[in-house]
Amino acid sequence: MRKREEKKLLVDIIDSINSIDEHLEGRRVLEEYTANKTKRRAVEREIEIIGEAMSKLLKMDPNIQIS
């Protein structure tokens, strides 16, 4: 069961990374990002999701390799 939960969290992280790319429309232009409040909030929420998933993963397995 634990491995299943770990896999779900890893999928959540991958989904959030892909969503960030979608929100940024494949571009990394700081001026566009800072000028668009909706885009910033969407990206920041995805980063929160990644952080929450990582925190849960580390609680499940403190020795998990993060690199």
PDB file of N, CA and C in Angstrom:
ATOM      1  N   MET A   1       0.817  -1.202   0.000  1.00  0.00           N
ATOM      2  CA  MET A   1       0.000   0.000   0.000  1.00  0.00           C
ATOM      3  C   MET A   1       0.856   1.261   0.000  1.00  0.00           C
ATOM      4  N   ARG A   2       1.926   1.229   0.742  1.00  0.00           N
ATOM      5  CA  ARG A   2       2.789   2.395   0.845  1.00  0.00           C
ATOM      6  C   ARG A   2       3.396   2.759  -0.507  1.00  0.00           C
ATOM      7  N   LYS A   3       3.850   1.764  -1.252  1.00  0.00           N
ATOM      8  CA  LYS A   3       4.434   2.021  -2.569  1.00  0.00           C
ATOM      9  C   LYS A   3       3.408   2.672  -3.488  1.00  0.00           C
ATOM     10  N   ARG A   4       2.159   2.248  -3.353  1.00  0.00           N
ATOM     11  CA  ARG A   4       1.084   2.825  -4.164  1.00  0.00           C
ATOM     12  C   ARG A   4       0.917   4.309  -3.840  1.00  0.00           C
ATOM     13  N   GLU A   5       0.946   4.646  -2.557  1.00  0.00           N
ATOM     14  CA  GLU A   5       0.835   6.037  -2.125  1.00  0.00           C
ATOM     15  C   GLU A   5       2.027   6.852  -2.625  1.00  0.00           C
ATOM     16  N   GLU A   6       3.217   6.275  -2.563  1.00  0.00           N
ATOM     17  CA  GLU A   6       4.414   6.960  -3.047  1.00  0.00           C
ATOM     18  C   GLU A   6       4.304   7.228  -4.547  1.00  0.00           C
ATOM     19  N   LYS A   7       3.827   6.239  -5.291  1.00  0.00           N
ATOM     20  CA  LYS A   7       3.667   6.419  -6.739  1.00  0.00           C
ATOM     21  C   LYS A   7       2.666   7.515  -7.043  1.00  0.00           C
ATOM     22  N   LYS A   8       1.559   7.574  -6.285  1.00  0.00           N
ATOM     23  CA  LYS A   8       0.564   8.615  -6.495  1.00  0.00           C
ATOM     24  C   LYS A   8       1.169   9.999  -6.261  1.00  0.00           C
ATOM     25  N   LEU A   9       1.962  10.125  -5.218  1.00  0.00           N
ATOM     26  CA  LEU A   9       2.602  11.408  -4.933  1.00  0.00           C
ATOM     27  C   LEU A   9       3.581  11.791  -6.045  1.00  0.00           C
ATOM     28  N   LEU A  10       4.318  10.813  -6.551  1.00  0.00           N
ATOM     29  CA  LEU A  10       5.241  11.087  -7.650  1.00  0.00           C
ATOM     30  C   LEU A  10       4.485  11.513  -8.909  1.00  0.00           C
ATOM     31  N   VAL A  11       3.344  10.883  -9.158  1.00  0.00           N
ATOM     32  CA  VAL A  11       2.509  11.277 -10.300  1.00  0.00           C
ATOM     33  C   VAL A  11       1.994  12.701 -10.094  1.00  0.00           C
ATOM     34  N   ASP A  12       1.599  13.038  -8.871  1.00  0.00           N
ATOM     35  CA  ASP A  12       1.149  14.403  -8.578  1.00  0.00           C
ATOM     36  C   ASP A  12       2.253  15.416  -8.884  1.00  0.00           C
ATOM     37  N   ILE A  13       3.486  15.076  -8.534  1.00  0.00           N
ATOM     38  CA  ILE A  13       4.616  15.970  -8.795  1.00  0.00           C
ATOM     39  C   ILE A  13       4.813  16.144 -10.297  1.00  0.00           C
ATOM     40  N   ILE A  14       4.791  15.053 -11.026  1.00  0.00           N
ATOM     41  CA  ILE A  14       4.963  15.127 -12.480  1.00  0.00           C
ATOM     42  C   ILE A  14       3.829  15.940 -13.112  1.00  0.00           C
ATOM     43  N   ASP A  15       2.601  15.707 -12.652  1.00  0.00           N
ATOM     44  CA  ASP A  15       1.459  16.464 -13.179  1.00  0.00           C
ATOM     45  C   ASP A  15       1.628  17.958 -12.920  1.00  0.00           C
ATOM     46  N   SER A  16       2.101  18.304 -11.737  1.00  0.00           N
ATOM     47  CA  SER A  16       2.301  19.716 -11.408  1.00  0.00           C
ATOM     48  C   SER A  16       3.403  20.333 -12.266  1.00  0.00           C
ATOM     49  N   ILE A  17       4.464  19.603 -12.503  1.00  0.00           N
ATOM     50  CA  ILE A  17       5.537  20.103 -13.371  1.00  0.00           C
ATOM     51  C   ILE A  17       4.993  20.350 -14.774  1.00  0.00           C
ATOM     52  N   ASN A  18       4.207  19.415 -15.275  1.00  0.00           N
ATOM     53  CA  ASN A  18       3.618  19.587 -16.603  1.00  0.00           C
ATOM     54  C   ASN A  18       2.641  20.759 -16.630  1.00  0.00           C
ATOM     55  N   SER A  19       1.884  20.934 -15.557  1.00  0.00           N
ATOM     56  CA  SER A  19       0.959  22.062 -15.486  1.00  0.00           C
ATOM     57  C   SER A  19       1.699  23.389 -15.469  1.00  0.00           C
ATOM     58  N   ILE A  20       2.815  23.447 -14.776  1.00  0.00           N
ATOM     59  CA  ILE A  20       3.617  24.675 -14.762  1.00  0.00           C
ATOM     60  C   ILE A  20       4.044  25.012 -16.177  1.00  0.00           C
ATOM     61  N   ASP A  21       4.497  24.013 -16.916  1.00  0.00           N
ATOM     62  CA  ASP A  21       4.903  24.251 -18.305  1.00  0.00           C
ATOM     63  C   ASP A  21       3.724  24.746 -19.139  1.00  0.00           C
ATOM     64  N   GLU A  22       2.551  24.181 -18.908  1.00  0.00           N
ATOM     65  CA  GLU A  22       1.357  24.642 -19.631  1.00  0.00           C
ATOM     66  C   GLU A  22       1.015  26.082 -19.272  1.00  0.00           C
ATOM     67  N   HIS A  23       1.053  26.409 -17.990  1.00  0.00           N
ATOM     68  CA  HIS A  23       0.746  27.776 -17.557  1.00  0.00           C
ATOM     69  C   HIS A  23       1.723  28.780 -18.174  1.00  0.00           C
ATOM     70  N   LEU A  24       2.973  28.368 -18.291  1.00  0.00           N
ATOM     71  CA  LEU A  24       3.992  29.253 -18.854  1.00  0.00           C
ATOM     72  C   LEU A  24       4.020  29.189 -20.377  1.00  0.00           C
ATOM     73  N   GLU A  25       3.193  28.321 -20.934  1.00  0.00           N
ATOM     74  CA  GLU A  25       3.071  28.168 -22.387  1.00  0.00           C
ATOM     75  C   GLU A  25       4.412  27.845 -23.032  1.00  0.00           C
ATOM     76  N   GLY A  26       5.225  27.088 -22.298  1.00  0.00           N
ATOM     77  CA  GLY A  26       6.513  26.663 -22.833  1.00  0.00           C
ATOM     78  C   GLY A  26       7.563  27.754 -22.894  1.00  0.00           C
ATOM     79  N   ARG A  27       7.228  28.947 -22.412  1.00  0.00           N
ATOM     80  CA  ARG A  27       8.180  30.068 -22.456  1.00  0.00           C
ATOM     81  C   ARG A  27       8.643  30.398 -21.044  1.00  0.00           C
ATOM     82  N   ARG A  28       9.856  30.877 -20.951  1.00  0.00           N
ATOM     83  CA  ARG A  28      10.423  31.273 -19.657  1.00  0.00           C
ATOM     84  C   ARG A  28      10.833  32.744 -19.737  1.00  0.00           C
ATOM     85  N   VAL A  29       9.820  33.613 -19.802  1.00  0.00           N
ATOM     86  CA  VAL A  29      10.077  35.046 -19.907  1.00  0.00           C
ATOM     87  C   VAL A  29       9.618  35.693 -18.607  1.00  0.00           C
ATOM     88  N   LEU A  30      10.571  36.149 -17.820  1.00  0.00           N
ATOM     89  CA  LEU A  30      10.270  36.684 -16.493  1.00  0.00           C
ATOM     90  C   LEU A  30       9.273  37.836 -16.561  1.00  0.00           C
ATOM     91  N   GLU A  31       9.416  38.706 -17.515  1.00  0.00           N
ATOM     92  CA  GLU A  31       8.527  39.864 -17.623  1.00  0.00           C
ATOM     93  C   GLU A  31       7.075  39.433 -17.850  1.00  0.00           C
ATOM     94  N   GLU A  32       6.873  38.416 -18.678  1.00  0.00           N
ATOM     95  CA  GLU A  32       5.515  37.895 -18.921  1.00  0.00           C
ATOM     96  C   GLU A  32       4.954  37.285 -17.641  1.00  0.00           C
ATOM     97  N   TYR A  33       5.789  36.554 -16.952  1.00  0.00           N
ATOM     98  CA  TYR A  33       5.364  35.889 -15.721  1.00  0.00           C
ATOM     99  C   TYR A  33       4.986  36.911 -14.649  1.00  0.00           C
ATOM    100  N   THR A  34       5.834  37.877 -14.421  1.00  0.00           N
ATOM    101  CA  THR A  34       5.571  38.851 -13.358  1.00  0.00           C
ATOM    102  C   THR A  34       4.406  39.776 -13.694  1.00  0.00           C
ATOM    103  N   ALA A  35       4.118  39.961 -14.967  1.00  0.00           N
ATOM    104  CA  ALA A  35       3.033  40.849 -15.376  1.00  0.00           C
ATOM    105  C   ALA A  35       1.659  40.175 -15.310  1.00  0.00           C
ATOM    106  N   ASN A  36       1.625  38.860 -15.164  1.00  0.00           N
ATOM    107  CA  ASN A  36       0.362  38.133 -15.213  1.00  0.00           C
ATOM    108  C   ASN A  36       0.067  37.489 -13.852  1.00  0.00           C
ATOM    109  N   LYS A  37      -0.789  38.150 -13.080  1.00  0.00           N
ATOM    110  CA  LYS A  37      -1.102  37.688 -11.728  1.00  0.00           C
ATOM    111  C   LYS A  37      -1.726  36.292 -11.727  1.00  0.00           C
ATOM    112  N   THR A  38      -2.610  36.034 -12.666  1.00  0.00           N
ATOM    113  CA  THR A  38      -3.259  34.724 -12.737  1.00  0.00           C
ATOM    114  C   THR A  38      -2.241  33.629 -13.004  1.00  0.00           C
ATOM    115  N   LYS A  39      -1.325  33.897 -13.917  1.00  0.00           N
ATOM    116  CA  LYS A  39      -0.284  32.919 -14.251  1.00  0.00           C
ATOM    117  C   LYS A  39       0.614  32.665 -13.037  1.00  0.00           C
ATOM    118  N   ARG A  40       0.994  33.739 -12.351  1.00  0.00           N
ATOM    119  CA  ARG A  40       1.843  33.599 -11.160  1.00  0.00           C
ATOM    120  C   ARG A  40       1.163  32.747 -10.101  1.00  0.00           C
ATOM    121  N   ARG A  41      -0.101  33.029  -9.848  1.00  0.00           N
ATOM    122  CA  ARG A  41      -0.825  32.271  -8.819  1.00  0.00           C
ATOM    123  C   ARG A  41      -0.976  30.809  -9.197  1.00  0.00           C
ATOM    124  N   ALA A  42      -1.210  30.551 -10.464  1.00  0.00           N
ATOM    125  CA  ALA A  42      -1.341  29.161 -10.923  1.00  0.00           C
ATOM    126  C   ALA A  42      -0.023  28.417 -10.735  1.00  0.00           C
ATOM    127  N   VAL A  43       1.070  29.040 -11.122  1.00  0.00           N
ATOM    128  CA  VAL A  43       2.386  28.405 -10.986  1.00  0.00           C
ATOM    129  C   VAL A  43       2.733  28.227  -9.507  1.00  0.00           C
ATOM    130  N   GLU A  44       2.460  29.235  -8.709  1.00  0.00           N
ATOM    131  CA  GLU A  44       2.752  29.140  -7.283  1.00  0.00           C
ATOM    132  C   GLU A  44       1.952  28.010  -6.629  1.00  0.00           C
ATOM    133  N   ARG A  45       0.708  27.821  -7.046  1.00  0.00           N
ATOM    134  CA  ARG A  45      -0.099  26.723  -6.486  1.00  0.00           C
ATOM    135  C   ARG A  45       0.485  25.369  -6.859  1.00  0.00           C
ATOM    136  N   GLU A  46       0.954  25.247  -8.098  1.00  0.00           N
ATOM    137  CA  GLU A  46       1.570  23.987  -8.518  1.00  0.00           C
ATOM    138  C   GLU A  46       2.839  23.718  -7.710  1.00  0.00           C
ATOM    139  N   ILE A  47       3.591  24.764  -7.407  1.00  0.00           N
ATOM    140  CA  ILE A  47       4.800  24.605  -6.593  1.00  0.00           C
ATOM    141  C   ILE A  47       4.417  24.161  -5.175  1.00  0.00           C
ATOM    142  N   GLU A  48       3.310  24.701  -4.649  1.00  0.00           N
ATOM    143  CA  GLU A  48       2.821  24.263  -3.339  1.00  0.00           C
ATOM    144  C   GLU A  48       2.475  22.780  -3.358  1.00  0.00           C
ATOM    145  N   ILE A  49       1.813  22.340  -4.427  1.00  0.00           N
ATOM    146  CA  ILE A  49       1.441  20.929  -4.552  1.00  0.00           C
ATOM    147  C   ILE A  49       2.700  20.057  -4.565  1.00  0.00           C
ATOM    148  N   ILE A  50       3.714  20.495  -5.291  1.00  0.00           N
ATOM    149  CA  ILE A  50       4.978  19.751  -5.334  1.00  0.00           C
ATOM    150  C   ILE A  50       5.593  19.688  -3.936  1.00  0.00           C
ATOM    151  N   GLY A  51       5.608  20.807  -3.241  1.00  0.00           N
ATOM    152  CA  GLY A  51       6.170  20.844  -1.892  1.00  0.00           C
ATOM    153  C   GLY A  51       5.424  19.941  -0.920  1.00  0.00           C
ATOM    154  N   GLU A  52       4.088  19.949  -1.009  1.00  0.00           N
ATOM    155  CA  GLU A  52       3.284  19.096  -0.138  1.00  0.00           C
ATOM    156  C   GLU A  52       3.553  17.616  -0.431  1.00  0.00           C
ATOM    157  N   ALA A  53       3.621  17.275  -1.705  1.00  0.00           N
ATOM    158  CA  ALA A  53       3.889  15.881  -2.078  1.00  0.00           C
ATOM    159  C   ALA A  53       5.277  15.458  -1.614  1.00  0.00           C
ATOM    160  N   MET A  54       6.253  16.321  -1.775  1.00  0.00           N
ATOM    161  CA  MET A  54       7.620  16.000  -1.339  1.00  0.00           C
ATOM    162  C   MET A  54       7.666  15.815   0.174  1.00  0.00           C
ATOM    163  N   SER A  55       6.967  16.662   0.903  1.00  0.00           N
ATOM    164  CA  SER A  55       6.936  16.550   2.359  1.00  0.00           C
ATOM    165  C   SER A  55       6.353  15.205   2.782  1.00  0.00           C
ATOM    166  N   LYS A  56       5.255  14.793   2.140  1.00  0.00           N
ATOM    167  CA  LYS A  56       4.642  13.505   2.458  1.00  0.00           C
ATOM    168  C   LYS A  56       5.567  12.349   2.097  1.00  0.00           C
ATOM    169  N   LEU A  57       6.230  12.456   0.945  1.00  0.00           N
ATOM    170  CA  LEU A  57       7.166  11.404   0.542  1.00  0.00           C
ATOM    171  C   LEU A  57       8.296  11.252   1.552  1.00  0.00           C
ATOM    172  N   LEU A  58       8.838  12.379   2.002  1.00  0.00           N
ATOM    173  CA  LEU A  58       9.940  12.334   2.968  1.00  0.00           C
ATOM    174  C   LEU A  58       9.492  11.770   4.314  1.00  0.00           C
ATOM    175  N   LYS A  59       8.226  11.999   4.688  1.00  0.00           N
ATOM    176  CA  LYS A  59       7.715  11.413   5.928  1.00  0.00           C
ATOM    177  C   LYS A  59       7.573   9.900   5.789  1.00  0.00           C
ATOM    178  N   MET A  60       7.186   9.447   4.596  1.00  0.00           N
ATOM    179  CA  MET A  60       7.047   8.017   4.348  1.00  0.00           C
ATOM    180  C   MET A  60       8.387   7.323   4.268  1.00  0.00           C
ATOM    181  N   ASP A  61       9.341   8.014   3.634  1.00  0.00           N
ATOM    182  CA  ASP A  61      10.669   7.419   3.411  1.00  0.00           C
ATOM    183  C   ASP A  61      11.728   8.515   3.509  1.00  0.00           C
ATOM    184  N   PRO A  62      12.269   8.733   4.707  1.00  0.00           N
ATOM    185  CA  PRO A  62      13.260   9.799   4.900  1.00  0.00           C
ATOM    186  C   PRO A  62      14.537   9.584   4.086  1.00  0.00           C
ATOM    187  N   ASN A  63      14.758   8.382   3.597  1.00  0.00           N
ATOM    188  CA  ASN A  63      15.968   8.084   2.831  1.00  0.00           C
ATOM    189  C   ASN A  63      15.756   8.167   1.324  1.00  0.00           C
ATOM    190  N   ILE A  64      14.595   8.647   0.910  1.00  0.00           N
ATOM    191  CA  ILE A  64      14.320   8.723  -0.534  1.00  0.00           C
ATOM    192  C   ILE A  64      15.339   9.657  -1.192  1.00  0.00           C
ATOM    193  N   GLN A  65      15.804   9.248  -2.357  1.00  0.00           N
ATOM    194  CA  GLN A  65      16.797  10.048  -3.093  1.00  0.00           C
ATOM    195  C   GLN A  65      16.105  11.171  -3.851  1.00  0.00           C
ATOM    196  N   ILE A  66      16.494  12.389  -3.577  1.00  0.00           N
ATOM    197  CA  ILE A  66      15.959  13.561  -4.273  1.00  0.00           C
ATOM    198  C   ILE A  66      17.116  14.208  -5.009  1.00  0.00           C
ATOM    199  N   SER A  67      17.082  14.076  -6.317  1.00  0.00           N
ATOM    200  CA  SER A  67      18.167  14.700  -7.098  1.00  0.00           C
ATOM    201  C   SER A  67      17.693  15.033  -8.481  1.00  0.00           C
TER     202      SER A  67
END
